[in-house]
Amino acid sequence: MTTDWKSLSVAELEKRYDQGVYAANAKQVNGWYTEQSQLVESRLGGQKFQYGLNASEHGYWFKPEKADADIVVFIHGGAWRIGSARDYLFPAPWLVEHGLNYVCLNFDNVGVHGGRLFPMLNQLVSAITWISRNYQQFGANPRIHISSHSSGSHLAACLASLDWDTLLPHAPRLIQSVFLCSGIYDLEPVVHSKRRHYLELSPLEVHALSPIRHSANQGPKYLVARGELESPEFIRQHDQYVAKLQKDGLNPSELVGPGLNHFEILTTFADAKGLLAQGLLQLIKQ
């Protein structure tokens, strides 16, 4: 596997960013996310809240029985263009049982904004800000653990690079940990793949929105995970981002899901015994 994406042909680069090539069961696994989330919604309900004026700017909050609990915020993937929070409610039961709040955020997909990613990131900043000002109505503690998958991990890594203590001085040490699974951390090769057909990013935006090119926030703890059977480009991006965090003086934890592809790895976040679930619990306990 080459470590220099620039040496790849256009066809090979496109192949390495096409999940269907490396995860033939993508449709079935994504369907499982939705089915399990529907069961959770019908059983637990959760409280829907609005963090912004647009209909898309909402989330689902699942509370544990105990008060003053930490908050796990999930940012979903979908190549920035598909998916919604309602498809990712399935981790709520075990998180609530372990005394944690689970908040799943909804936000626009990139097509709504003509291929631009900044508006999506701004929505997530607004959502985190809303949580920092409204956590008390849910009986929660102002301690957030960001979790994410795929393109959601790209957005989460962008969030993690922000100086939250300066942005939200009323909520110091708000972001306690950042859990990134199967993410993209450098947009330059992405905009040369087939995703260029729906992403409209200037060179300045590519630089600004590539977490690997910026210093990581020193406050939170980090866990970076991926499936063993990810595409070569997703593996390369994972490895280089872990190396970047280490270079920045952080000590990120790392997980690789044996025999799991890009979508299957997230199924291990569905119950407390799963690989990702155990990883998150250990991260929170550190």
C-alpha atoms as a PDB file:
ATOM      1  CA  MET A   1       0.000   0.000   0.000  1.00  0.00           C
ATOM      2  CA  THR A   2       1.473   3.302  -1.058  1.00  0.00           C
ATOM      3  CA  THR A   3       1.739   6.104   1.480  1.00  0.00           C
ATOM      4  CA  ASP A   4       1.781   8.795  -1.227  1.00  0.00           C
ATOM      5  CA  TRP A   5      -1.683   9.318  -2.680  1.00  0.00           C
ATOM      6  CA  LYS A   6      -0.266  11.681  -5.316  1.00  0.00           C
ATOM      7  CA  SER A   7       1.426   8.738  -7.024  1.00  0.00           C
ATOM      8  CA  LEU A   8      -1.947   7.086  -7.671  1.00  0.00           C
ATOM      9  CA  SER A   9      -3.813   7.295 -10.957  1.00  0.00           C
ATOM     10  CA  VAL A  10      -7.165   9.091 -10.946  1.00  0.00           C
ATOM     11  CA  ALA A  11      -8.937   5.737 -11.302  1.00  0.00           C
ATOM     12  CA  GLU A  12      -7.074   4.208  -8.368  1.00  0.00           C
ATOM     13  CA  LEU A  13      -7.645   7.246  -6.170  1.00  0.00           C
ATOM     14  CA  GLU A  14     -11.360   7.178  -6.965  1.00  0.00           C
ATOM     15  CA  LYS A  15     -11.470   3.485  -6.138  1.00  0.00           C
ATOM     16  CA  ARG A  16      -9.851   4.061  -2.751  1.00  0.00           C
ATOM     17  CA  TYR A  17     -12.544   6.571  -1.779  1.00  0.00           C
ATOM     18  CA  ASP A  18     -15.397   4.388  -3.034  1.00  0.00           C
ATOM     19  CA  GLN A  19     -16.662   2.485   0.015  1.00  0.00           C
ATOM     20  CA  GLY A  20     -18.712   0.151  -2.149  1.00  0.00           C
ATOM     21  CA  VAL A  21     -15.489  -1.410  -3.447  1.00  0.00           C
ATOM     22  CA  TYR A  22     -14.257  -2.314   0.051  1.00  0.00           C
ATOM     23  CA  ALA A  23     -17.585  -2.808   1.828  1.00  0.00           C
ATOM     24  CA  ALA A  24     -19.969  -4.681  -0.436  1.00  0.00           C
ATOM     25  CA  ASN A  25     -22.526  -4.952   2.382  1.00  0.00           C
ATOM     26  CA  ALA A  26     -22.689  -1.190   2.975  1.00  0.00           C
ATOM     27  CA  LYS A  27     -26.396  -0.930   2.130  1.00  0.00           C
ATOM     28  CA  GLN A  28     -27.334  -3.795   4.434  1.00  0.00           C
ATOM     29  CA  VAL A  29     -25.293  -2.486   7.374  1.00  0.00           C
ATOM     30  CA  ASN A  30     -26.653   1.044   6.972  1.00  0.00           C
ATOM     31  CA  GLY A  31     -30.124  -0.474   6.913  1.00  0.00           C
ATOM     32  CA  TRP A  32     -29.305  -2.190  10.192  1.00  0.00           C
ATOM     33  CA  TYR A  33     -28.357   1.165  11.748  1.00  0.00           C
ATOM     34  CA  THR A  34     -31.779   2.534  10.770  1.00  0.00           C
ATOM     35  CA  GLU A  35     -33.754  -0.514  11.903  1.00  0.00           C
ATOM     36  CA  GLN A  36     -32.063  -0.656  15.288  1.00  0.00           C
ATOM     37  CA  SER A  37     -32.480   3.084  15.747  1.00  0.00           C
ATOM     38  CA  GLN A  38     -36.203   2.841  15.010  1.00  0.00           C
ATOM     39  CA  LEU A  39     -36.527   0.180  17.702  1.00  0.00           C
ATOM     40  CA  VAL A  40     -34.674   2.369  20.178  1.00  0.00           C
ATOM     41  CA  GLU A  41     -36.802   5.404  19.340  1.00  0.00           C
ATOM     42  CA  SER A  42     -40.022   3.452  19.810  1.00  0.00           C
ATOM     43  CA  ARG A  43     -38.819   1.954  23.107  1.00  0.00           C
ATOM     44  CA  LEU A  44     -36.921   4.831  24.730  1.00  0.00           C
ATOM     45  CA  GLY A  45     -38.264   7.807  22.841  1.00  0.00           C
ATOM     46  CA  GLY A  46     -35.622  10.308  23.749  1.00  0.00           C
ATOM     47  CA  GLN A  47     -36.267  14.031  23.880  1.00  0.00           C
ATOM     48  CA  LYS A  48     -36.009  15.940  20.623  1.00  0.00           C
ATOM     49  CA  PHE A  49     -34.546  19.423  20.977  1.00  0.00           C
ATOM     50  CA  GLN A  50     -33.930  22.319  18.608  1.00  0.00           C
ATOM     51  CA  TYR A  51     -30.511  23.988  18.736  1.00  0.00           C
ATOM     52  CA  GLY A  52     -31.090  26.348  15.800  1.00  0.00           C
ATOM     53  CA  LEU A  53     -33.823  28.002  13.754  1.00  0.00           C
ATOM     54  CA  ASN A  54     -33.760  25.616  10.789  1.00  0.00           C
ATOM     55  CA  ALA A  55     -35.783  22.395  10.903  1.00  0.00           C
ATOM     56  CA  SER A  56     -32.591  20.386  10.328  1.00  0.00           C
ATOM     57  CA  GLU A  57     -30.931  21.886  13.413  1.00  0.00           C
ATOM     58  CA  HIS A  58     -32.099  19.458  16.057  1.00  0.00           C
ATOM     59  CA  GLY A  59     -30.942  16.510  18.095  1.00  0.00           C
ATOM     60  CA  TYR A  60     -32.144  13.630  20.254  1.00  0.00           C
ATOM     61  CA  TRP A  61     -31.310  13.491  23.952  1.00  0.00           C
ATOM     62  CA  PHE A  62     -31.481  10.260  25.955  1.00  0.00           C
ATOM     63  CA  LYS A  63     -31.116  10.715  29.728  1.00  0.00           C
ATOM     64  CA  PRO A  64     -29.888   8.202  32.308  1.00  0.00           C
ATOM     65  CA  GLU A  65     -31.669   7.833  35.632  1.00  0.00           C
ATOM     66  CA  LYS A  66     -28.873   9.452  37.601  1.00  0.00           C
ATOM     67  CA  ALA A  67     -28.356  13.197  37.526  1.00  0.00           C
ATOM     68  CA  ASP A  68     -25.099  15.067  36.878  1.00  0.00           C
ATOM     69  CA  ALA A  69     -23.953  12.576  34.240  1.00  0.00           C
ATOM     70  CA  ASP A  70     -21.489  13.256  31.414  1.00  0.00           C
ATOM     71  CA  ILE A  71     -22.733  13.750  27.848  1.00  0.00           C
ATOM     72  CA  VAL A  72     -21.755  11.589  24.861  1.00  0.00           C
ATOM     73  CA  VAL A  73     -22.393  13.547  21.660  1.00  0.00           C
ATOM     74  CA  PHE A  74     -22.488  11.560  18.406  1.00  0.00           C
ATOM     75  CA  ILE A  75     -21.779  13.027  14.942  1.00  0.00           C
ATOM     76  CA  HIS A  76     -22.897  10.726  12.142  1.00  0.00           C
ATOM     77  CA  GLY A  77     -21.254  10.012   8.809  1.00  0.00           C
ATOM     78  CA  GLY A  78     -22.593   9.522   5.309  1.00  0.00           C
ATOM     79  CA  ALA A  79     -19.890  11.006   3.045  1.00  0.00           C
ATOM     80  CA  TRP A  80     -21.182  14.451   4.096  1.00  0.00           C
ATOM     81  CA  ARG A  81     -24.189  14.010   1.807  1.00  0.00           C
ATOM     82  CA  ILE A  82     -26.597  11.448   3.311  1.00  0.00           C
ATOM     83  CA  GLY A  83     -27.886  10.300   6.679  1.00  0.00           C
ATOM     84  CA  SER A  84     -29.668  11.853   9.628  1.00  0.00           C
ATOM     85  CA  ALA A  85     -29.537  11.640  13.403  1.00  0.00           C
ATOM     86  CA  ARG A  86     -32.557   9.291  13.491  1.00  0.00           C
ATOM     87  CA  ASP A  87     -30.416   6.601  11.848  1.00  0.00           C
ATOM     88  CA  TYR A  88     -27.893   6.626  14.713  1.00  0.00           C
ATOM     89  CA  LEU A  89     -29.927   6.304  17.897  1.00  0.00           C
ATOM     90  CA  PHE A  90     -28.970   2.653  18.407  1.00  0.00           C
ATOM     91  CA  PRO A  91     -26.179   3.220  21.001  1.00  0.00           C
ATOM     92  CA  ALA A  92     -28.571   5.002  23.391  1.00  0.00           C
ATOM     93  CA  PRO A  93     -29.691   2.004  25.545  1.00  0.00           C
ATOM     94  CA  TRP A  94     -26.276   0.861  26.760  1.00  0.00           C
ATOM     95  CA  LEU A  95     -25.011   4.411  27.241  1.00  0.00           C
ATOM     96  CA  VAL A  96     -28.034   5.315  29.368  1.00  0.00           C
ATOM     97  CA  GLU A  97     -27.631   2.073  31.341  1.00  0.00           C
ATOM     98  CA  HIS A  98     -24.032   3.070  32.051  1.00  0.00           C
ATOM     99  CA  GLY A  99     -25.166   6.387  33.462  1.00  0.00           C
ATOM    100  CA  LEU A 100     -24.328   8.586  30.469  1.00  0.00           C
ATOM    101  CA  ASN A 101     -26.401  11.050  28.463  1.00  0.00           C
ATOM    102  CA  TYR A 102     -26.519  10.232  24.740  1.00  0.00           C
ATOM    103  CA  VAL A 103     -27.044  13.135  22.345  1.00  0.00           C
ATOM    104  CA  CYS A 104     -27.273  12.444  18.616  1.00  0.00           C
ATOM    105  CA  LEU A 105     -27.000  15.599  16.497  1.00  0.00           C
ATOM    106  CA  ASN A 106     -28.754  16.287  13.225  1.00  0.00           C
ATOM    107  CA  PHE A 107     -27.357  18.772  10.698  1.00  0.00           C
ATOM    108  CA  ASP A 108     -27.613  19.606   7.015  1.00  0.00           C
ATOM    109  CA  ASN A 109     -26.035  17.439   4.364  1.00  0.00           C
ATOM    110  CA  VAL A 110     -23.596  19.117   2.007  1.00  0.00           C
ATOM    111  CA  GLY A 111     -25.990  19.343  -0.939  1.00  0.00           C
ATOM    112  CA  VAL A 112     -28.097  21.891   0.949  1.00  0.00           C
ATOM    113  CA  HIS A 113     -25.125  24.269   0.909  1.00  0.00           C
ATOM    114  CA  GLY A 114     -23.900  23.812  -2.652  1.00  0.00           C
ATOM    115  CA  GLY A 115     -21.085  21.473  -1.700  1.00  0.00           C
ATOM    116  CA  ARG A 116     -19.662  23.619   1.105  1.00  0.00           C
ATOM    117  CA  LEU A 117     -18.619  22.076   4.421  1.00  0.00           C
ATOM    118  CA  PHE A 118     -18.227  25.191   6.558  1.00  0.00           C
ATOM    119  CA  PRO A 119     -22.006  25.569   7.096  1.00  0.00           C
ATOM    120  CA  MET A 120     -22.189  22.007   8.442  1.00  0.00           C
ATOM    121  CA  LEU A 121     -19.327  22.677  10.833  1.00  0.00           C
ATOM    122  CA  ASN A 122     -20.967  25.936  11.937  1.00  0.00           C
ATOM    123  CA  GLN A 123     -24.169  24.031  12.744  1.00  0.00           C
ATOM    124  CA  LEU A 124     -22.234  21.634  14.953  1.00  0.00           C
ATOM    125  CA  VAL A 125     -20.529  24.530  16.742  1.00  0.00           C
ATOM    126  CA  SER A 126     -24.002  25.957  17.357  1.00  0.00           C
ATOM    127  CA  ALA A 127     -25.189  22.589  18.672  1.00  0.00           C
ATOM    128  CA  ILE A 128     -22.278  22.252  21.120  1.00  0.00           C
ATOM    129  CA  THR A 129     -22.849  25.848  22.216  1.00  0.00           C
ATOM    130  CA  TRP A 130     -26.553  25.116  22.799  1.00  0.00           C
ATOM    131  CA  ILE A 131     -25.681  22.077  24.920  1.00  0.00           C
ATOM    132  CA  SER A 132     -23.246  24.163  26.974  1.00  0.00           C
ATOM    133  CA  ARG A 133     -26.093  26.547  27.857  1.00  0.00           C
ATOM    134  CA  ASN A 134     -28.950  24.074  28.276  1.00  0.00           C
ATOM    135  CA  TYR A 135     -27.476  20.914  29.849  1.00  0.00           C
ATOM    136  CA  GLN A 136     -29.065  21.706  33.220  1.00  0.00           C
ATOM    137  CA  GLN A 137     -32.587  21.162  31.889  1.00  0.00           C
ATOM    138  CA  PHE A 138     -31.580  17.539  31.267  1.00  0.00           C
ATOM    139  CA  GLY A 139     -29.910  17.175  34.670  1.00  0.00           C
ATOM    140  CA  ALA A 140     -26.545  16.655  32.982  1.00  0.00           C
ATOM    141  CA  ASN A 141     -22.954  17.621  33.738  1.00  0.00           C
ATOM    142  CA  PRO A 142     -21.163  20.080  31.375  1.00  0.00           C
ATOM    143  CA  ARG A 143     -18.624  17.436  30.342  1.00  0.00           C
ATOM    144  CA  ILE A 144     -18.864  16.371  26.696  1.00  0.00           C
ATOM    145  CA  HIS A 145     -17.338  13.314  25.031  1.00  0.00           C
ATOM    146  CA  ILE A 146     -17.542  13.669  21.251  1.00  0.00           C
ATOM    147  CA  SER A 147     -17.947  10.418  19.298  1.00  0.00           C
ATOM    148  CA  SER A 148     -18.200  10.093  15.539  1.00  0.00           C
ATOM    149  CA  HIS A 149     -17.983   7.939  12.436  1.00  0.00           C
ATOM    150  CA  SER A 150     -16.740   8.392   8.850  1.00  0.00           C
ATOM    151  CA  SER A 151     -17.323  11.933   7.515  1.00  0.00           C
ATOM    152  CA  GLY A 152     -18.693  12.729  10.966  1.00  0.00           C
ATOM    153  CA  SER A 153     -15.200  12.028  12.297  1.00  0.00           C
ATOM    154  CA  HIS A 154     -13.807  14.611   9.900  1.00  0.00           C
ATOM    155  CA  LEU A 155     -16.232  17.181  11.314  1.00  0.00           C
ATOM    156  CA  ALA A 156     -15.508  16.022  14.875  1.00  0.00           C
ATOM    157  CA  ALA A 157     -11.747  16.397  14.327  1.00  0.00           C
ATOM    158  CA  CYS A 158     -12.389  19.937  13.046  1.00  0.00           C
ATOM    159  CA  LEU A 159     -14.388  20.634  16.221  1.00  0.00           C
ATOM    160  CA  ALA A 160     -11.606  19.167  18.338  1.00  0.00           C
ATOM    161  CA  SER A 161      -9.093  21.651  16.926  1.00  0.00           C
ATOM    162  CA  LEU A 162     -11.104  24.649  18.189  1.00  0.00           C
ATOM    163  CA  ASP A 163     -10.240  26.525  21.374  1.00  0.00           C
ATOM    164  CA  TRP A 164     -13.460  25.848  23.257  1.00  0.00           C
ATOM    165  CA  ASP A 165     -12.318  27.523  26.462  1.00  0.00           C
ATOM    166  CA  THR A 166     -12.069  30.783  24.522  1.00  0.00           C
ATOM    167  CA  LEU A 167     -15.244  30.219  22.519  1.00  0.00           C
ATOM    168  CA  LEU A 168     -17.295  29.255  25.581  1.00  0.00           C
ATOM    169  CA  PRO A 169     -15.657  30.743  28.680  1.00  0.00           C
ATOM    170  CA  HIS A 170     -18.815  29.998  30.688  1.00  0.00           C
ATOM    171  CA  ALA A 171     -18.144  26.247  30.273  1.00  0.00           C
ATOM    172  CA  PRO A 172     -14.422  25.593  30.870  1.00  0.00           C
ATOM    173  CA  ARG A 173     -13.084  22.135  29.964  1.00  0.00           C
ATOM    174  CA  LEU A 174     -16.321  21.375  28.152  1.00  0.00           C
ATOM    175  CA  ILE A 175     -14.823  18.869  25.686  1.00  0.00           C
ATOM    176  CA  GLN A 176     -13.339  16.054  27.734  1.00  0.00           C
ATOM    177  CA  SER A 177     -12.587  13.513  25.029  1.00  0.00           C
ATOM    178  CA  VAL A 178     -12.794  12.963  21.280  1.00  0.00           C
ATOM    179  CA  PHE A 179     -13.523   9.526  19.789  1.00  0.00           C
ATOM    180  CA  LEU A 180     -12.927   9.386  16.027  1.00  0.00           C
ATOM    181  CA  CYS A 181     -13.836   6.271  14.028  1.00  0.00           C
ATOM    182  CA  SER A 182     -13.044   5.652  10.349  1.00  0.00           C
ATOM    183  CA  GLY A 183     -12.498   9.302   9.564  1.00  0.00           C
ATOM    184  CA  ILE A 184     -10.985  11.565   6.927  1.00  0.00           C
ATOM    185  CA  TYR A 185      -8.455  14.087   8.196  1.00  0.00           C
ATOM    186  CA  ASP A 186      -6.979  15.546   4.982  1.00  0.00           C
ATOM    187  CA  LEU A 187      -9.352  16.841   2.309  1.00  0.00           C
ATOM    188  CA  GLU A 188      -6.827  17.350  -0.477  1.00  0.00           C
ATOM    189  CA  PRO A 189      -6.966  13.789  -1.884  1.00  0.00           C
ATOM    190  CA  VAL A 190     -10.731  13.689  -1.288  1.00  0.00           C
ATOM    191  CA  VAL A 191     -11.410  16.577  -3.660  1.00  0.00           C
ATOM    192  CA  HIS A 192      -9.542  14.678  -6.366  1.00  0.00           C
ATOM    193  CA  SER A 193     -11.764  11.613  -5.914  1.00  0.00           C
ATOM    194  CA  LYS A 194     -15.332  11.120  -7.180  1.00  0.00           C
ATOM    195  CA  ARG A 195     -16.508  13.157  -4.226  1.00  0.00           C
ATOM    196  CA  ARG A 196     -15.410  16.233  -6.163  1.00  0.00           C
ATOM    197  CA  HIS A 197     -18.721  15.914  -8.007  1.00  0.00           C
ATOM    198  CA  TYR A 198     -20.639  17.079  -4.941  1.00  0.00           C
ATOM    199  CA  LEU A 199     -17.983  18.895  -2.876  1.00  0.00           C
ATOM    200  CA  GLU A 200     -17.211  22.510  -3.828  1.00  0.00           C
ATOM    201  CA  LEU A 201     -14.133  23.477  -1.851  1.00  0.00           C
ATOM    202  CA  SER A 202     -11.570  26.167  -2.589  1.00  0.00           C
ATOM    203  CA  PRO A 203      -7.877  25.517  -1.794  1.00  0.00           C
ATOM    204  CA  LEU A 204      -8.299  27.751   1.269  1.00  0.00           C
ATOM    205  CA  GLU A 205     -11.264  25.662   2.471  1.00  0.00           C
ATOM    206  CA  VAL A 206      -9.353  22.431   1.875  1.00  0.00           C
ATOM    207  CA  HIS A 207      -6.545  23.734   4.069  1.00  0.00           C
ATOM    208  CA  ALA A 208      -8.788  25.196   6.769  1.00  0.00           C
ATOM    209  CA  LEU A 209     -10.915  22.061   7.005  1.00  0.00           C
ATOM    210  CA  SER A 210      -8.095  19.507   7.042  1.00  0.00           C
ATOM    211  CA  PRO A 211      -7.476  18.727  10.739  1.00  0.00           C
ATOM    212  CA  ILE A 212      -4.159  17.064   9.958  1.00  0.00           C
ATOM    213  CA  ARG A 213      -2.786  20.470   8.940  1.00  0.00           C
ATOM    214  CA  HIS A 214      -3.538  22.178  12.245  1.00  0.00           C
ATOM    215  CA  SER A 215      -2.458  21.780  15.842  1.00  0.00           C
ATOM    216  CA  ALA A 216      -4.774  19.609  17.891  1.00  0.00           C
ATOM    217  CA  ASN A 217      -6.435  20.954  21.003  1.00  0.00           C
ATOM    218  CA  GLN A 218      -4.313  19.878  23.974  1.00  0.00           C
ATOM    219  CA  GLY A 219      -7.258  19.656  26.377  1.00  0.00           C
ATOM    220  CA  PRO A 220      -9.239  16.532  25.375  1.00  0.00           C
ATOM    221  CA  LYS A 221      -8.196  12.895  25.382  1.00  0.00           C
ATOM    222  CA  TYR A 222      -8.237  11.201  21.964  1.00  0.00           C
ATOM    223  CA  LEU A 223      -9.168   7.762  20.688  1.00  0.00           C
ATOM    224  CA  VAL A 224      -8.802   7.042  16.965  1.00  0.00           C
ATOM    225  CA  ALA A 225     -10.379   3.847  15.608  1.00  0.00           C
ATOM    226  CA  ARG A 226     -10.911   2.101  12.270  1.00  0.00           C
ATOM    227  CA  GLY A 227     -11.864  -1.237  10.807  1.00  0.00           C
ATOM    228  CA  GLU A 228      -9.131  -3.620   9.691  1.00  0.00           C
ATOM    229  CA  LEU A 229     -10.758  -3.865   6.255  1.00  0.00           C
ATOM    230  CA  GLU A 230     -11.042  -0.143   5.500  1.00  0.00           C
ATOM    231  CA  SER A 231      -9.939   1.069   2.076  1.00  0.00           C
ATOM    232  CA  PRO A 232      -6.184   1.755   1.783  1.00  0.00           C
ATOM    233  CA  GLU A 233      -6.787   5.512   1.774  1.00  0.00           C
ATOM    234  CA  PHE A 234      -8.849   5.433   4.960  1.00  0.00           C
ATOM    235  CA  ILE A 235      -6.130   3.350   6.607  1.00  0.00           C
ATOM    236  CA  ARG A 236      -3.460   5.810   5.435  1.00  0.00           C
ATOM    237  CA  GLN A 237      -5.452   8.789   6.714  1.00  0.00           C
ATOM    238  CA  HIS A 238      -5.986   7.054  10.061  1.00  0.00           C
ATOM    239  CA  ASP A 239      -2.290   6.252  10.450  1.00  0.00           C
ATOM    240  CA  GLN A 240      -1.147   9.736   9.500  1.00  0.00           C
ATOM    241  CA  TYR A 241      -3.608  11.438  11.839  1.00  0.00           C
ATOM    242  CA  VAL A 242      -2.538   9.256  14.768  1.00  0.00           C
ATOM    243  CA  ALA A 243       1.080  10.170  13.944  1.00  0.00           C
ATOM    244  CA  LYS A 244       0.089  13.849  13.812  1.00  0.00           C
ATOM    245  CA  LEU A 245      -1.518  13.699  17.274  1.00  0.00           C
ATOM    246  CA  GLN A 246       1.583  12.000  18.632  1.00  0.00           C
ATOM    247  CA  LYS A 247       3.794  14.682  17.058  1.00  0.00           C
ATOM    248  CA  ASP A 248       1.652  17.333  18.761  1.00  0.00           C
ATOM    249  CA  GLY A 249       2.595  15.808  22.109  1.00  0.00           C
ATOM    250  CA  LEU A 250      -0.677  13.985  22.694  1.00  0.00           C
ATOM    251  CA  ASN A 251      -0.984  10.331  23.573  1.00  0.00           C
ATOM    252  CA  PRO A 252      -3.954   9.089  21.521  1.00  0.00           C
ATOM    253  CA  SER A 253      -5.410   5.664  22.115  1.00  0.00           C
ATOM    254  CA  GLU A 254      -5.896   3.572  18.978  1.00  0.00           C
ATOM    255  CA  LEU A 255      -8.265   0.760  18.022  1.00  0.00           C
ATOM    256  CA  VAL A 256      -8.464  -1.485  14.966  1.00  0.00           C
ATOM    257  CA  GLY A 257     -11.521  -3.700  14.560  1.00  0.00           C
ATOM    258  CA  PRO A 258     -10.325  -7.149  13.393  1.00  0.00           C
ATOM    259  CA  GLY A 259     -12.066  -8.366  10.244  1.00  0.00           C
ATOM    260  CA  LEU A 260     -14.403  -5.354  10.116  1.00  0.00           C
ATOM    261  CA  ASN A 261     -14.983  -2.952   7.248  1.00  0.00           C
ATOM    262  CA  HIS A 262     -15.845   0.749   7.303  1.00  0.00           C
ATOM    263  CA  PHE A 263     -19.496   0.178   8.209  1.00  0.00           C
ATOM    264  CA  GLU A 264     -19.281  -2.987  10.291  1.00  0.00           C
ATOM    265  CA  ILE A 265     -16.963  -1.322  12.808  1.00  0.00           C
ATOM    266  CA  LEU A 266     -19.790   0.987  13.933  1.00  0.00           C
ATOM    267  CA  THR A 267     -22.011  -1.977  14.833  1.00  0.00           C
ATOM    268  CA  THR A 268     -19.620  -2.555  17.754  1.00  0.00           C
ATOM    269  CA  PHE A 269     -20.962   0.703  19.211  1.00  0.00           C
ATOM    270  CA  ALA A 270     -24.401  -0.867  19.605  1.00  0.00           C
ATOM    271  CA  ASP A 271     -23.885  -2.607  22.956  1.00  0.00           C
ATOM    272  CA  ALA A 272     -21.611  -2.229  25.953  1.00  0.00           C
ATOM    273  CA  LYS A 273     -19.520  -5.296  25.112  1.00  0.00           C
ATOM    274  CA  GLY A 274     -18.642  -4.065  21.611  1.00  0.00           C
ATOM    275  CA  LEU A 275     -15.147  -2.949  20.656  1.00  0.00           C
ATOM    276  CA  LEU A 276     -16.028   0.726  20.166  1.00  0.00           C
ATOM    277  CA  ALA A 277     -18.263   0.807  23.230  1.00  0.00           C
ATOM    278  CA  GLN A 278     -15.480  -0.581  25.394  1.00  0.00           C
ATOM    279  CA  GLY A 279     -13.052   1.869  23.836  1.00  0.00           C
ATOM    280  CA  LEU A 280     -15.289   4.823  24.699  1.00  0.00           C
ATOM    281  CA  LEU A 281     -15.823   3.650  28.265  1.00  0.00           C
ATOM    282  CA  GLN A 282     -12.083   3.292  28.785  1.00  0.00           C
ATOM    283  CA  LEU A 283     -11.507   6.741  27.278  1.00  0.00           C
ATOM    284  CA  ILE A 284     -14.029   8.320  29.644  1.00  0.00           C
ATOM    285  CA  LYS A 285     -12.469   6.570  32.654  1.00  0.00           C
ATOM    286  CA  GLN A 286      -8.931   7.757  31.861  1.00  0.00           C
END
